[in-house]
PDB file of N, CA and C in Angstrom:
ATOM      1  N   MET A   1       0.880  -1.408   0.043  1.00  0.00           N
ATOM      2  CA  MET A   1      -0.151   0.123  -0.188  1.00  0.00           C
ATOM      3  C   MET A   1       0.564   1.256   0.112  1.00  0.00           C
ATOM      4  N   SER A   2       0.602   1.964  -0.846  1.00  0.00           N
ATOM      5  CA  SER A   2       1.513   3.343  -1.127  1.00  0.00           C
ATOM      6  C   SER A   2       1.013   4.357   0.329  1.00  0.00           C
ATOM      7  N   THR A   3       2.046   5.340   0.665  1.00  0.00           N
ATOM      8  CA  THR A   3       1.909   5.936   1.522  1.00  0.00           C
ATOM      9  C   THR A   3       0.857   7.003   1.545  1.00  0.00           C
ATOM     10  N   SER A   4       0.634   7.738   0.382  1.00  0.00           N
ATOM     11  CA  SER A   4      -0.476   8.470   0.273  1.00  0.00           C
ATOM     12  C   SER A   4      -1.822   7.607   0.786  1.00  0.00           C
ATOM     13  N   SER A   5      -2.031   6.622   0.277  1.00  0.00           N
ATOM     14  CA  SER A   5      -3.341   6.004   0.803  1.00  0.00           C
ATOM     15  C   SER A   5      -3.115   5.673   1.803  1.00  0.00           C
ATOM     16  N   ASN A   6      -1.995   5.020   2.993  1.00  0.00           N
ATOM     17  CA  ASN A   6      -2.244   5.309   3.998  1.00  0.00           C
ATOM     18  C   ASN A   6      -2.790   6.398   4.889  1.00  0.00           C
ATOM     19  N   SER A   7      -2.047   7.458   4.197  1.00  0.00           N
ATOM     20  CA  SER A   7      -2.516   9.182   4.837  1.00  0.00           C
ATOM     21  C   SER A   7      -3.844   9.269   4.810  1.00  0.00           C
ATOM     22  N   GLU A   8      -4.199   8.952   3.481  1.00  0.00           N
ATOM     23  CA  GLU A   8      -6.013   9.515   3.480  1.00  0.00           C
ATOM     24  C   GLU A   8      -6.616   8.324   4.513  1.00  0.00           C
ATOM     25  N   GLU A   9      -6.319   6.818   4.666  1.00  0.00           N
ATOM     26  CA  GLU A   9      -6.980   6.529   5.478  1.00  0.00           C
ATOM     27  C   GLU A   9      -6.899   6.746   7.023  1.00  0.00           C
ATOM     28  N   PHE A  10      -5.628   7.280   7.322  1.00  0.00           N
ATOM     29  CA  PHE A  10      -5.107   7.898   8.415  1.00  0.00           C
ATOM     30  C   PHE A  10      -6.398   9.316   8.405  1.00  0.00           C
ATOM     31  N   TYR A  11      -6.663  10.472   7.703  1.00  0.00           N
ATOM     32  CA  TYR A  11      -7.308  11.400   7.488  1.00  0.00           C
ATOM     33  C   TYR A  11      -8.740  11.136   7.395  1.00  0.00           C
ATOM     34  N   GLU A  12      -9.351   9.505   7.046  1.00  0.00           N
ATOM     35  CA  GLU A  12     -10.698   9.495   7.175  1.00  0.00           C
ATOM     36  C   GLU A  12     -11.003   8.846   8.617  1.00  0.00           C
ATOM     37  N   LYS A  13      -9.866   8.203   9.138  1.00  0.00           N
ATOM     38  CA  LYS A  13     -10.354   7.351  10.617  1.00  0.00           C
ATOM     39  C   LYS A  13      -9.969   8.857  11.302  1.00  0.00           C
ATOM     40  N   LEU A  14      -9.116  10.012  11.354  1.00  0.00           N
ATOM     41  CA  LEU A  14      -9.449  11.208  12.271  1.00  0.00           C
ATOM     42  C   LEU A  14     -10.818  11.948  12.155  1.00  0.00           C
ATOM     43  N   LYS A  15     -10.773  12.279  10.697  1.00  0.00           N
ATOM     44  CA  LYS A  15     -12.387  12.941  10.584  1.00  0.00           C
ATOM     45  C   LYS A  15     -13.558  11.886  11.226  1.00  0.00           C
ATOM     46  N   GLY A  16     -13.216  10.911  11.303  1.00  0.00           N
ATOM     47  CA  GLY A  16     -14.670  10.271  11.945  1.00  0.00           C
ATOM     48  C   GLY A  16     -14.454  10.537  13.631  1.00  0.00           C
ATOM     49  N   GLN A  17     -13.483  10.454  13.737  1.00  0.00           N
ATOM     50  CA  GLN A  17     -13.119  10.270  15.211  1.00  0.00           C
ATOM     51  C   GLN A  17     -13.475  11.989  16.035  1.00  0.00           C
ATOM     52  N   LEU A  18     -13.033  12.616  15.357  1.00  0.00           N
ATOM     53  CA  LEU A  18     -13.748  14.405  15.463  1.00  0.00           C
ATOM     54  C   LEU A  18     -14.845  14.653  15.218  1.00  0.00           C
ATOM     55  N   TYR A  19     -15.812  14.169  14.099  1.00  0.00           N
ATOM     56  CA  TYR A  19     -17.216  13.839  14.509  1.00  0.00           C
ATOM     57  C   TYR A  19     -17.623  13.569  15.416  1.00  0.00           C
ATOM     58  N   GLU A  20     -17.251  12.377  16.211  1.00  0.00           N
ATOM     59  CA  GLU A  20     -17.752  11.867  17.347  1.00  0.00           C
ATOM     60  C   GLU A  20     -17.525  12.496  18.121  1.00  0.00           C
ATOM     61  N   THR A  21     -16.042  13.374  18.597  1.00  0.00           N
ATOM     62  CA  THR A  21     -16.075  13.792  19.966  1.00  0.00           C
ATOM     63  C   THR A  21     -16.056  15.321  20.110  1.00  0.00           C
ATOM     64  N   ALA A  22     -16.680  16.093  19.330  1.00  0.00           N
ATOM     65  CA  ALA A  22     -16.803  17.458  19.646  1.00  0.00           C
ATOM     66  C   ALA A  22     -18.008  18.109  18.497  1.00  0.00           C
ATOM     67  N   SER A  23     -18.627  19.097  18.862  1.00  0.00           N
ATOM     68  CA  SER A  23     -19.564  19.801  18.444  1.00  0.00           C
ATOM     69  C   SER A  23     -18.875  20.843  17.805  1.00  0.00           C
ATOM     70  N   TRP A  24     -19.090  21.246  16.440  1.00  0.00           N
ATOM     71  CA  TRP A  24     -18.607  21.758  15.878  1.00  0.00           C
ATOM     72  C   TRP A  24     -19.639  23.348  15.409  1.00  0.00           C
ATOM     73  N   PRO A  25     -18.847  24.538  15.390  1.00  0.00           N
ATOM     74  CA  PRO A  25     -17.357  24.638  15.325  1.00  0.00           C
ATOM     75  C   PRO A  25     -16.804  24.547  16.607  1.00  0.00           C
ATOM     76  N   THR A  26     -15.624  24.193  16.988  1.00  0.00           N
ATOM     77  CA  THR A  26     -15.018  24.256  18.132  1.00  0.00           C
ATOM     78  C   THR A  26     -13.495  24.749  18.122  1.00  0.00           C
ATOM     79  N   GLU A  27     -12.794  25.185  19.047  1.00  0.00           N
ATOM     80  CA  GLU A  27     -11.606  25.046  19.216  1.00  0.00           C
ATOM     81  C   GLU A  27     -10.699  23.629  19.081  1.00  0.00           C
ATOM     82  N   TYR A  28      -9.618  23.823  18.159  1.00  0.00           N
ATOM     83  CA  TYR A  28      -8.855  22.508  18.140  1.00  0.00           C
ATOM     84  C   TYR A  28      -7.344  22.893  18.123  1.00  0.00           C
ATOM     85  N   LEU A  29      -6.463  21.988  18.852  1.00  0.00           N
ATOM     86  CA  LEU A  29      -5.455  21.893  19.160  1.00  0.00           C
ATOM     87  C   LEU A  29      -4.410  21.424  18.466  1.00  0.00           C
ATOM     88  N   TYR A  30      -3.673  22.175  17.459  1.00  0.00           N
ATOM     89  CA  TYR A  30      -2.586  21.346  16.994  1.00  0.00           C
ATOM     90  C   TYR A  30      -1.156  21.133  17.386  1.00  0.00           C
ATOM     91  N   LYS A  31      -0.921  20.125  17.270  1.00  0.00           N
ATOM     92  CA  LYS A  31       0.694  19.804  17.962  1.00  0.00           C
ATOM     93  C   LYS A  31       1.441  19.452  17.036  1.00  0.00           C
ATOM     94  N   PHE A  32       2.857  20.027  16.984  1.00  0.00           N
ATOM     95  CA  PHE A  32       3.649  19.599  15.807  1.00  0.00           C
ATOM     96  C   PHE A  32       4.627  19.431  16.536  1.00  0.00           C
ATOM     97  N   ILE A  33       5.950  18.532  16.193  1.00  0.00           N
ATOM     98  CA  ILE A  33       7.457  18.871  16.533  1.00  0.00           C
ATOM     99  C   ILE A  33       8.260  18.679  15.254  1.00  0.00           C
ATOM    100  N   ILE A  34       9.014  19.914  15.279  1.00  0.00           N
ATOM    101  CA  ILE A  34       9.738  20.120  13.911  1.00  0.00           C
ATOM    102  C   ILE A  34      11.593  20.425  14.468  1.00  0.00           C
ATOM    103  N   LYS A  35      12.613  20.051  13.488  1.00  0.00           N
ATOM    104  CA  LYS A  35      13.561  20.739  14.303  1.00  0.00           C
ATOM    105  C   LYS A  35      14.020  22.326  14.269  1.00  0.00           C
ATOM    106  N   THR A  36      14.589  22.418  15.107  1.00  0.00           N
ATOM    107  CA  THR A  36      14.479  23.899  15.561  1.00  0.00           C
ATOM    108  C   THR A  36      15.387  24.679  14.096  1.00  0.00           C
ATOM    109  N   ASP A  37      14.366  25.546  13.492  1.00  0.00           N
ATOM    110  CA  ASP A  37      15.152  25.994  12.232  1.00  0.00           C
ATOM    111  C   ASP A  37      13.839  26.708  12.169  1.00  0.00           C
ATOM    112  N   VAL A  38      14.465  28.478  12.439  1.00  0.00           N
ATOM    113  CA  VAL A  38      14.061  29.450  12.189  1.00  0.00           C
ATOM    114  C   VAL A  38      13.095  29.482  10.886  1.00  0.00           C
ATOM    115  N   LYS A  39      13.724  28.937   9.574  1.00  0.00           N
ATOM    116  CA  LYS A  39      12.698  29.376   8.631  1.00  0.00           C
ATOM    117  C   LYS A  39      11.557  28.418   8.547  1.00  0.00           C
ATOM    118  N   LYS A  40      11.680  27.005   8.897  1.00  0.00           N
ATOM    119  CA  LYS A  40      10.750  26.109   8.935  1.00  0.00           C
ATOM    120  C   LYS A  40       9.818  26.382  10.138  1.00  0.00           C
ATOM    121  N   ILE A  41      10.416  26.879  11.076  1.00  0.00           N
ATOM    122  CA  ILE A  41       9.187  27.336  12.388  1.00  0.00           C
ATOM    123  C   ILE A  41       8.344  28.381  11.487  1.00  0.00           C
ATOM    124  N   THR A  42       8.932  29.454  10.887  1.00  0.00           N
ATOM    125  CA  THR A  42       8.239  30.771  10.192  1.00  0.00           C
ATOM    126  C   THR A  42       7.256  29.957   8.997  1.00  0.00           C
ATOM    127  N   GLU A  43       7.566  28.802   8.334  1.00  0.00           N
ATOM    128  CA  GLU A  43       6.876  28.333   7.569  1.00  0.00           C
ATOM    129  C   GLU A  43       5.620  27.745   7.917  1.00  0.00           C
ATOM    130  N   LEU A  44       5.622  27.254   8.856  1.00  0.00           N
ATOM    131  CA  LEU A  44       4.587  26.502   9.871  1.00  0.00           C
ATOM    132  C   LEU A  44       3.413  27.393  10.275  1.00  0.00           C
ATOM    133  N   GLU A  45       4.028  28.315  10.809  1.00  0.00           N
ATOM    134  CA  GLU A  45       3.426  29.832  11.513  1.00  0.00           C
ATOM    135  C   GLU A  45       2.677  30.627  10.328  1.00  0.00           C
ATOM    136  N   ALA A  46       3.308  30.248   9.288  1.00  0.00           N
ATOM    137  CA  ALA A  46       2.628  31.168   7.935  1.00  0.00           C
ATOM    138  C   ALA A  46       1.293  30.633   7.368  1.00  0.00           C
ATOM    139  N   ILE A  47       1.247  29.151   7.773  1.00  0.00           N
ATOM    140  CA  ILE A  47       0.035  28.370   6.995  1.00  0.00           C
ATOM    141  C   ILE A  47      -1.265  28.796   8.069  1.00  0.00           C
ATOM    142  N   PHE A  48      -1.148  29.161   9.423  1.00  0.00           N
ATOM    143  CA  PHE A  48      -2.081  29.503  10.478  1.00  0.00           C
ATOM    144  C   PHE A  48      -2.218  31.207  10.582  1.00  0.00           C
ATOM    145  N   ASN A  49      -1.324  31.941   9.647  1.00  0.00           N
ATOM    146  CA  ASN A  49      -1.110  33.144   9.705  1.00  0.00           C
ATOM    147  C   ASN A  49      -3.135  33.862   9.782  1.00  0.00           C
ATOM    148  N   ASN A  50      -3.191  34.832  10.158  1.00  0.00           N
ATOM    149  CA  ASN A  50      -4.148  35.750  10.172  1.00  0.00           C
ATOM    150  C   ASN A  50      -5.680  34.772  10.248  1.00  0.00           C
ATOM    151  N   MET A  51      -5.413  33.693  11.076  1.00  0.00           N
ATOM    152  CA  MET A  51      -6.750  32.952  11.424  1.00  0.00           C
ATOM    153  C   MET A  51      -6.977  33.230  12.947  1.00  0.00           C
ATOM    154  N   GLY A  52      -6.559  33.863  13.499  1.00  0.00           N
ATOM    155  CA  GLY A  52      -6.337  34.070  15.102  1.00  0.00           C
ATOM    156  C   GLY A  52      -5.792  32.904  16.109  1.00  0.00           C
ATOM    157  N   ALA A  53      -5.100  32.222  15.463  1.00  0.00           N
ATOM    158  CA  ALA A  53      -4.398  31.210  16.005  1.00  0.00           C
ATOM    159  C   ALA A  53      -3.534  31.547  17.601  1.00  0.00           C
ATOM    160  N   VAL A  54      -3.605  30.832  18.397  1.00  0.00           N
ATOM    161  CA  VAL A  54      -2.658  31.171  19.397  1.00  0.00           C
ATOM    162  C   VAL A  54      -1.517  30.100  19.184  1.00  0.00           C
ATOM    163  N   ILE A  55      -0.462  30.525  19.313  1.00  0.00           N
ATOM    164  CA  ILE A  55       0.462  29.716  19.023  1.00  0.00           C
ATOM    165  C   ILE A  55       1.874  29.479  20.120  1.00  0.00           C
ATOM    166  N   ASN A  56       2.143  28.079  20.539  1.00  0.00           N
ATOM    167  CA  ASN A  56       3.113  28.471  21.744  1.00  0.00           C
ATOM    168  C   ASN A  56       4.028  27.624  20.999  1.00  0.00           C
ATOM    169  N   LYS A  57       5.358  27.860  21.636  1.00  0.00           N
ATOM    170  CA  LYS A  57       6.522  27.168  21.026  1.00  0.00           C
ATOM    171  C   LYS A  57       7.610  26.790  22.149  1.00  0.00           C
ATOM    172  N   ASN A  58       8.376  25.469  22.405  1.00  0.00           N
ATOM    173  CA  ASN A  58       8.767  25.547  23.354  1.00  0.00           C
ATOM    174  C   ASN A  58       9.837  24.259  22.668  1.00  0.00           C
ATOM    175  N   GLU A  59      11.389  24.846  23.051  1.00  0.00           N
ATOM    176  CA  GLU A  59      12.624  24.221  22.541  1.00  0.00           C
ATOM    177  C   GLU A  59      12.715  23.183  23.500  1.00  0.00           C
ATOM    178  N   SER A  60      13.513  22.298  22.901  1.00  0.00           N
ATOM    179  CA  SER A  60      13.807  20.986  23.777  1.00  0.00           C
ATOM    180  C   SER A  60      15.016  20.862  24.552  1.00  0.00           C
ATOM    181  N   LYS A  61      15.393  20.463  25.665  1.00  0.00           N
ATOM    182  CA  LYS A  61      16.062  20.748  26.438  1.00  0.00           C
ATOM    183  C   LYS A  61      17.594  21.071  25.961  1.00  0.00           C
ATOM    184  N   ASN A  62      17.892  20.499  24.752  1.00  0.00           N
ATOM    185  CA  ASN A  62      19.487  20.641  23.908  1.00  0.00           C
ATOM    186  C   ASN A  62      19.103  21.577  22.956  1.00  0.00           C
ATOM    187  N   ARG A  63      17.946  22.036  22.665  1.00  0.00           N
ATOM    188  CA  ARG A  63      17.782  22.886  21.759  1.00  0.00           C
ATOM    189  C   ARG A  63      17.564  22.423  20.042  1.00  0.00           C
ATOM    190  N   LYS A  64      17.446  20.851  19.763  1.00  0.00           N
ATOM    191  CA  LYS A  64      17.500  20.336  18.845  1.00  0.00           C
ATOM    192  C   LYS A  64      16.320  20.452  18.148  1.00  0.00           C
ATOM    193  N   TYR A  65      15.348  20.253  18.626  1.00  0.00           N
ATOM    194  CA  TYR A  65      13.834  20.406  18.168  1.00  0.00           C
ATOM    195  C   TYR A  65      12.632  21.511  19.244  1.00  0.00           C
ATOM    196  N   THR A  66      11.702  21.824  18.360  1.00  0.00           N
ATOM    197  CA  THR A  66      10.969  22.785  18.957  1.00  0.00           C
ATOM    198  C   THR A  66       9.095  22.197  18.725  1.00  0.00           C
ATOM    199  N   SER A  67       8.884  21.988  19.625  1.00  0.00           N
ATOM    200  CA  SER A  67       7.480  21.969  19.594  1.00  0.00           C
ATOM    201  C   SER A  67       6.566  22.890  19.701  1.00  0.00           C
ATOM    202  N   ILE A  68       5.424  22.603  18.761  1.00  0.00           N
ATOM    203  CA  ILE A  68       4.762  24.272  18.494  1.00  0.00           C
ATOM    204  C   ILE A  68       3.049  23.653  18.593  1.00  0.00           C
ATOM    205  N   SER A  69       2.703  24.213  19.392  1.00  0.00           N
ATOM    206  CA  SER A  69       1.015  23.984  19.754  1.00  0.00           C
ATOM    207  C   SER A  69       0.426  25.066  19.049  1.00  0.00           C
ATOM    208  N   ILE A  70      -0.463  25.091  18.557  1.00  0.00           N
ATOM    209  CA  ILE A  70      -1.116  26.056  17.503  1.00  0.00           C
ATOM    210  C   ILE A  70      -2.876  25.692  18.056  1.00  0.00           C
ATOM    211  N   ASN A  71      -3.530  26.585  18.606  1.00  0.00           N
ATOM    212  CA  ASN A  71      -4.748  26.564  19.163  1.00  0.00           C
ATOM    213  C   ASN A  71      -5.942  27.766  18.360  1.00  0.00           C
ATOM    214  N   LEU A  72      -7.017  27.166  17.801  1.00  0.00           N
ATOM    215  CA  LEU A  72      -7.741  27.823  16.969  1.00  0.00           C
ATOM    216  C   LEU A  72      -9.248  27.346  16.905  1.00  0.00           C
ATOM    217  N   LEU A  73      -9.798  28.137  16.579  1.00  0.00           N
ATOM    218  CA  LEU A  73     -11.633  27.712  16.242  1.00  0.00           C
ATOM    219  C   LEU A  73     -11.696  27.491  15.054  1.00  0.00           C
ATOM    220  N   MET A  74     -11.753  25.684  14.706  1.00  0.00           N
ATOM    221  CA  MET A  74     -12.233  25.429  13.363  1.00  0.00           C
ATOM    222  C   MET A  74     -13.282  25.277  13.028  1.00  0.00           C
ATOM    223  N   LYS A  75     -14.132  25.362  11.959  1.00  0.00           N
ATOM    224  CA  LYS A  75     -15.239  25.013  11.342  1.00  0.00           C
ATOM    225  C   LYS A  75     -15.989  23.689  11.855  1.00  0.00           C
ATOM    226  N   ASN A  76     -15.068  22.915  10.865  1.00  0.00           N
ATOM    227  CA  ASN A  76     -15.397  21.293  11.142  1.00  0.00           C
ATOM    228  C   ASN A  76     -14.148  20.244  10.534  1.00  0.00           C
ATOM    229  N   PRO A  77     -14.100  19.161  10.861  1.00  0.00           N
ATOM    230  CA  PRO A  77     -13.410  18.137  10.711  1.00  0.00           C
ATOM    231  C   PRO A  77     -12.606  18.598   9.403  1.00  0.00           C
ATOM    232  N   ASP A  78     -13.520  18.883   8.376  1.00  0.00           N
ATOM    233  CA  ASP A  78     -12.692  18.631   7.114  1.00  0.00           C
ATOM    234  C   ASP A  78     -11.933  20.035   6.854  1.00  0.00           C
ATOM    235  N   ASN A  79     -11.711  21.147   7.697  1.00  0.00           N
ATOM    236  CA  ASN A  79     -11.191  21.918   7.707  1.00  0.00           C
ATOM    237  C   ASN A  79      -9.999  21.870   8.871  1.00  0.00           C
ATOM    238  N   VAL A  80      -9.974  20.900   9.520  1.00  0.00           N
ATOM    239  CA  VAL A  80      -8.953  20.285  10.866  1.00  0.00           C
ATOM    240  C   VAL A  80      -8.206  19.399   9.493  1.00  0.00           C
ATOM    241  N   ILE A  81      -8.292  18.886   8.584  1.00  0.00           N
ATOM    242  CA  ILE A  81      -7.461  17.855   7.945  1.00  0.00           C
ATOM    243  C   ILE A  81      -6.813  18.567   7.052  1.00  0.00           C
ATOM    244  N   GLU A  82      -7.677  19.604   6.289  1.00  0.00           N
ATOM    245  CA  GLU A  82      -7.294  20.305   5.359  1.00  0.00           C
ATOM    246  C   GLU A  82      -5.533  21.337   5.873  1.00  0.00           C
ATOM    247  N   LYS A  83      -5.764  21.463   7.019  1.00  0.00           N
ATOM    248  CA  LYS A  83      -4.308  22.374   7.549  1.00  0.00           C
ATOM    249  C   LYS A  83      -3.315  21.275   7.946  1.00  0.00           C
ATOM    250  N   TYR A  84      -3.874  19.964   8.190  1.00  0.00           N
ATOM    251  CA  TYR A  84      -2.657  19.146   8.479  1.00  0.00           C
ATOM    252  C   TYR A  84      -1.942  18.657   6.964  1.00  0.00           C
ATOM    253  N   LYS A  85      -3.086  18.438   6.083  1.00  0.00           N
ATOM    254  CA  LYS A  85      -2.401  18.051   4.878  1.00  0.00           C
ATOM    255  C   LYS A  85      -1.467  19.479   4.208  1.00  0.00           C
ATOM    256  N   GLU A  86      -1.806  20.482   4.431  1.00  0.00           N
ATOM    257  CA  GLU A  86      -1.329  21.875   3.929  1.00  0.00           C
ATOM    258  C   GLU A  86       0.280  21.655   4.696  1.00  0.00           C
ATOM    259  N   VAL A  87       0.011  21.709   6.039  1.00  0.00           N
ATOM    260  CA  VAL A  87       1.228  21.842   7.182  1.00  0.00           C
ATOM    261  C   VAL A  87       2.097  20.638   5.975  1.00  0.00           C
ATOM    262  N   ALA A  88       2.048  19.279   6.129  1.00  0.00           N
ATOM    263  CA  ALA A  88       2.449  18.237   5.408  1.00  0.00           C
ATOM    264  C   ALA A  88       3.112  18.161   4.132  1.00  0.00           C
ATOM    265  N   GLU A  89       2.646  19.349   3.423  1.00  0.00           N
ATOM    266  CA  GLU A  89       3.039  19.549   1.979  1.00  0.00           C
ATOM    267  C   GLU A  89       4.216  20.427   1.966  1.00  0.00           C
ATOM    268  N   LYS A  90       3.792  21.761   2.996  1.00  0.00           N
ATOM    269  CA  LYS A  90       4.563  22.533   3.021  1.00  0.00           C
ATOM    270  C   LYS A  90       5.938  22.818   3.820  1.00  0.00           C
ATOM    271  N   VAL A  91       5.837  21.897   4.848  1.00  0.00           N
ATOM    272  CA  VAL A  91       6.900  22.101   5.810  1.00  0.00           C
ATOM    273  C   VAL A  91       7.420  20.794   6.053  1.00  0.00           C
ATOM    274  N   GLU A  92       8.712  20.748   5.454  1.00  0.00           N
ATOM    275  CA  GLU A  92       9.699  19.304   5.385  1.00  0.00           C
ATOM    276  C   GLU A  92      10.157  19.117   6.788  1.00  0.00           C
ATOM    277  N   GLY A  93       9.857  17.751   7.073  1.00  0.00           N
ATOM    278  CA  GLY A  93      10.231  17.189   7.875  1.00  0.00           C
ATOM    279  C   GLY A  93       9.484  17.314   9.716  1.00  0.00           C
ATOM    280  N   VAL A  94       8.395  18.046   9.029  1.00  0.00           N
ATOM    281  CA  VAL A  94       7.555  17.911  10.318  1.00  0.00           C
ATOM    282  C   VAL A  94       6.930  17.106  10.845  1.00  0.00           C
ATOM    283  N   ILE A  95       6.572  16.776  12.285  1.00  0.00           N
ATOM    284  CA  ILE A  95       5.902  15.744  12.929  1.00  0.00           C
ATOM    285  C   ILE A  95       4.686  16.112  13.269  1.00  0.00           C
ATOM    286  N   SER A  96       3.518  15.796  12.963  1.00  0.00           N
ATOM    287  CA  SER A  96       2.222  16.044  13.562  1.00  0.00           C
ATOM    288  C   SER A  96       1.657  15.080  14.513  1.00  0.00           C
ATOM    289  N   LEU A  97       1.436  15.768  15.758  1.00  0.00           N
ATOM    290  CA  LEU A  97       0.964  14.863  16.983  1.00  0.00           C
ATOM    291  C   LEU A  97      -0.578  14.815  16.843  1.00  0.00           C
TER     292      LEU A  97
END
């Protein structure tokens, strides 16, 4: 099975879970881990720019990685998944939690 097929299955499962666990619109918390690189962190933040997102960043103890939490109001699970896909497409090496 291809990676994109696995990704689509993951997103479909996530979509179902999001519909079951929340009433929409709702606040959603994205969590990412990325190597500490100002350019990549800026790319990630730009995806959520002008959306009213609250962004918190924490560097690891050795400063090699940065965890980024992004909290914002989302209309529905489809919008949540669109942002995950956009991040995966535009920011190399990001880990979505």
